[in-house]
C-alpha cells in the first residue's frame, strides 16, 4: 500500500508542453506555483477551493508537499 505522501505526490504532474513543463495539478492547467501564490496572498484553502472548483483539498496539500520536497532536495545550508 502506498504511503499518504506518495499518493499526494502522484497528484503533481510534469507534462512537456503543458504550462511550459511546470509542475501541474493532476495534468490540469493549474500549476503548483499558482497554488503557492494564492496561499501567499492570504487566501485560505476553503477560499481557493470555492474560487477554483477544479481543485481538491488534497491538491493544495500536494502542492505544499511537492514544494517542500523540492526545496529540501535542492538546497543545503552549510
C-alpha atoms as a PDB file:
ATOM      1  CA  UNK A   1       0.000   0.000   0.000  1.00  0.00           C
ATOM      2  CA  UNK A   2       1.307   3.445  -0.923  1.00  0.00           C
ATOM      3  CA  UNK A   3       2.018   5.937   1.770  1.00  0.00           C
ATOM      4  CA  UNK A   4      -0.136   9.030   2.072  1.00  0.00           C
ATOM      5  CA  UNK A   5       2.826  11.140   0.960  1.00  0.00           C
ATOM      6  CA  UNK A   6       3.267   9.088  -2.221  1.00  0.00           C
ATOM      7  CA  UNK A   7      -0.426   9.385  -3.036  1.00  0.00           C
ATOM      8  CA  UNK A   8      -0.233  13.146  -2.666  1.00  0.00           C
ATOM      9  CA  UNK A   9       2.879  13.481  -4.817  1.00  0.00           C
ATOM     10  CA  UNK A  10       1.155  11.488  -7.587  1.00  0.00           C
ATOM     11  CA  UNK A  11      -1.239  14.433  -7.947  1.00  0.00           C
ATOM     12  CA  UNK A  12       1.651  16.527  -9.249  1.00  0.00           C
ATOM     13  CA  UNK A  13       2.319  16.005 -12.939  1.00  0.00           C
ATOM     14  CA  UNK A  14       5.011  17.329 -15.217  1.00  0.00           C
ATOM     15  CA  UNK A  15       3.979  17.077 -18.850  1.00  0.00           C
ATOM     16  CA  UNK A  16       6.275  18.505 -21.534  1.00  0.00           C
ATOM     17  CA  UNK A  17       4.401  21.186 -23.433  1.00  0.00           C
ATOM     18  CA  UNK A  18       1.771  21.718 -20.733  1.00  0.00           C
ATOM     19  CA  UNK A  19       2.275  25.009 -18.941  1.00  0.00           C
ATOM     20  CA  UNK A  20       5.872  25.138 -20.128  1.00  0.00           C
ATOM     21  CA  UNK A  21       6.689  21.860 -18.396  1.00  0.00           C
ATOM     22  CA  UNK A  22       5.987  23.307 -14.952  1.00  0.00           C
ATOM     23  CA  UNK A  23       4.572  21.011 -12.269  1.00  0.00           C
ATOM     24  CA  UNK A  24       0.789  20.983 -12.549  1.00  0.00           C
ATOM     25  CA  UNK A  25      -2.082  19.556 -10.560  1.00  0.00           C
ATOM     26  CA  UNK A  26      -3.409  16.280 -11.987  1.00  0.00           C
ATOM     27  CA  UNK A  27      -2.487  17.228 -15.557  1.00  0.00           C
ATOM     28  CA  UNK A  28      -4.675  20.334 -15.492  1.00  0.00           C
ATOM     29  CA  UNK A  29      -3.646  23.842 -16.446  1.00  0.00           C
ATOM     30  CA  UNK A  30      -3.195  24.721 -12.797  1.00  0.00           C
ATOM     31  CA  UNK A  31       0.400  24.859 -11.599  1.00  0.00           C
ATOM     32  CA  UNK A  32       1.913  24.253  -8.193  1.00  0.00           C
ATOM     33  CA  UNK A  33       3.142  27.839  -8.211  1.00  0.00           C
ATOM     34  CA  UNK A  34      -0.432  29.056  -8.791  1.00  0.00           C
ATOM     35  CA  UNK A  35      -1.480  27.392  -5.545  1.00  0.00           C
ATOM     36  CA  UNK A  36       1.520  28.748  -3.650  1.00  0.00           C
ATOM     37  CA  UNK A  37       0.801  32.264  -4.888  1.00  0.00           C
ATOM     38  CA  UNK A  38      -2.849  32.021  -3.853  1.00  0.00           C
ATOM     39  CA  UNK A  39      -1.845  30.837  -0.382  1.00  0.00           C
ATOM     40  CA  UNK A  40       0.815  33.521  -0.044  1.00  0.00           C
ATOM     41  CA  UNK A  41      -1.757  36.177  -0.973  1.00  0.00           C
ATOM     42  CA  UNK A  42      -3.634  35.204   2.185  1.00  0.00           C
ATOM     43  CA  UNK A  43      -6.334  33.004   0.706  1.00  0.00           C
ATOM     44  CA  UNK A  44      -7.453  30.051   2.780  1.00  0.00           C
ATOM     45  CA  UNK A  45      -7.810  26.538   1.418  1.00  0.00           C
ATOM     46  CA  UNK A  46     -11.574  26.987   1.534  1.00  0.00           C
ATOM     47  CA  UNK A  47     -11.429  30.209  -0.492  1.00  0.00           C
ATOM     48  CA  UNK A  48      -9.157  28.629  -3.089  1.00  0.00           C
ATOM     49  CA  UNK A  49     -11.444  25.628  -3.450  1.00  0.00           C
ATOM     50  CA  UNK A  50     -14.505  27.841  -3.760  1.00  0.00           C
ATOM     51  CA  UNK A  51     -12.939  30.009  -6.477  1.00  0.00           C
ATOM     52  CA  UNK A  52     -11.330  27.098  -8.330  1.00  0.00           C
ATOM     53  CA  UNK A  53     -13.720  24.123  -8.265  1.00  0.00           C
ATOM     54  CA  UNK A  54     -11.336  22.048 -10.390  1.00  0.00           C
ATOM     55  CA  UNK A  55      -9.114  21.758  -7.302  1.00  0.00           C
ATOM     56  CA  UNK A  56      -9.485  19.436  -4.339  1.00  0.00           C
ATOM     57  CA  UNK A  57      -8.136  19.974  -0.840  1.00  0.00           C
ATOM     58  CA  UNK A  58      -5.566  17.208  -1.417  1.00  0.00           C
ATOM     59  CA  UNK A  59      -4.231  19.184  -4.405  1.00  0.00           C
ATOM     60  CA  UNK A  60      -3.314  22.069  -2.120  1.00  0.00           C
ATOM     61  CA  UNK A  61      -1.624  19.717   0.323  1.00  0.00           C
ATOM     62  CA  UNK A  62       0.191  18.028  -2.566  1.00  0.00           C
ATOM     63  CA  UNK A  63       1.454  21.371  -3.874  1.00  0.00           C
ATOM     64  CA  UNK A  64       2.845  22.261  -0.461  1.00  0.00           C
ATOM     65  CA  UNK A  65       4.448  18.847  -0.019  1.00  0.00           C
ATOM     66  CA  UNK A  66       5.963  18.908  -3.511  1.00  0.00           C
ATOM     67  CA  UNK A  67       7.397  22.377  -2.916  1.00  0.00           C
ATOM     68  CA  UNK A  68       8.850  21.415   0.448  1.00  0.00           C
ATOM     69  CA  UNK A  69      10.494  18.330  -1.058  1.00  0.00           C
ATOM     70  CA  UNK A  70      11.951  20.389  -3.902  1.00  0.00           C
ATOM     71  CA  UNK A  71      13.452  22.930  -1.535  1.00  0.00           C
ATOM     72  CA  UNK A  72      14.785  20.250   0.801  1.00  0.00           C
ATOM     73  CA  UNK A  73      16.388  18.359  -2.065  1.00  0.00           C
ATOM     74  CA  UNK A  74      17.842  21.397  -3.856  1.00  0.00           C
ATOM     75  CA  UNK A  75      19.206  23.489  -1.018  1.00  0.00           C
ATOM     76  CA  UNK A  76      21.785  22.693   1.560  1.00  0.00           C
ATOM     77  CA  UNK A  77      22.830  25.258   4.121  1.00  0.00           C
ATOM     78  CA  UNK A  78      26.294  24.705   5.453  1.00  0.00           C
END
